[in-house]
Each structure stands twice: as structure tokens, then as C-alpha cells.
Amino acid sequence: MVYGVYPSLQVGRPYKRVISRDGKPVASKELEKQDREQEKKALEQARRLERERTDQREKRLAEEAEERRKEGEATDEIFRLYDIQMAGREILDGYSAILLTFSPRVDYKPRTDAAKILKKWRGRAWVHEEEHQLIRAELESIDDVTLGLGLLGRLKTGAKASFQRRKVNEEIWLPAMDHFSGAGRLLLLKGFKIDATSEYSDYKKFTVETSTSSPLPTPRP
């Protein structure tokens, strides 16, 4: 399937509009239906925020701040978790890139849930030499990865993932391709295999105009 992805009021959850299935464009009626459903969700979200009491707003903002803190903590832990080595320089997509290899330190004990998962992966990364932007990353699991504490299933050793980014309009680095392949078992009963690729293209720049006004001061006599 091909999606058009647009910003939405839901933070971190963009509007994904199906525009093609099996190489065939989606009918205009279905596009309109998707738009109506998305508009309904946006209105419901706006109404919830309007009705939000002060204590509810404070709680929501606190939860969002805590989530950002956890994300930052997990990001910082990556550099303690991995032994990162510079392996050389390569030309990738026409850019001069530094090739880095990374593997988990044997004696490191992860503190966050994300690090516990990442400790089971090793890989390589290519970083733009001048702009210090990630161009490509390749990962391979070196141990079974449990899903949902093992209750949902298990991903077998040898799973592979790769991520590609490109510079759009010579302005900003954005995703270009994701690929994942692996095998495992769901609910400890049903086996599965997956080989999926997502490609990103046709980025468009959106501009938003805003204006503010304030009353003029009342002249004093």
C-alpha cells in the first residue's frame, strides 16, 4: 500500500491516508471517507482539550514530560551500552561518510527497557562527515528478542533491520527507507516470518501563517 502522511493534532501520530492498493489508486469516495474519519478524530481531540480541567492538563503535561525524560534517558544510555568504533570512511549516496561499528558491552547492565532490547543487537552506521547526520544504519540481532516479556512471542537470533535517510531539498534529513526481516514465534505457538520494506518519497513543505493582534492602549486624557 501507498500512504500520504500528513501532520495531525495527535502528537507523534500523523494522519496516514491510503492513496493506493496493489498499484491501483484508491477511489475518490474512499479518500473522502478517510478524510471525514480523520476530521472527526481531530474535532474530538480538540473538544477534549477544550473541556480539559486545570488538573487534567497538568497531569497530561507531566506525563508528556516524563515520557520525554525517559526517551532522553534511553538515548543517553546507548552510548554507555555500546562499544562504538570508527571503521573508516566511505562514499555513500555521494556523501563522504564515517563508518562506525557498534556492539553491546558484555559487562554492561541495562537500566532502561529500550537498552535491554538494544543489548541484543549489533550493527554499523554511516554518518555524514561534515553535517554529522545519520545516513544509514544496519542492525542484526545476536540473541533472541522477547516480545511483551516473552508472553507475546519471541524474535529469533539473526533478525536484520536497516534504516536509510536522505537530504531533502538540500535542507533537512528525512527517512528514505526502512527494512526489516526476521522469524520467530507468536504466543509461543505460531511461527512467523517477516520481510518488509517501507519507502518514503515525495516530501512536501507546508507553511502555516499565523497572526496575532492586541488592542491599542486607550489614550489618557
Foldseek 3Di string as FASTA:
>chain_A
DDWDWADAPDPPDTQTQDQDDPRHGDDPVVSVVSVVVRVVVRVVVVVCVVPQDPVNVVVVVVVVVVVVVLVVVLVVCQVVFKDKDFDAWDQDPNAIWTKIWIAGDPPDDDDDPSSVQCNQKIWMWTAGPPPRHTAKIKIFGNAKGADPNNQFWIWGGGKMKMWGWDQPPVPDIDTAKIWIWTWIATRVPHIDTDTDMDGDDDDDDDDDDDDDDDDDDDDDD
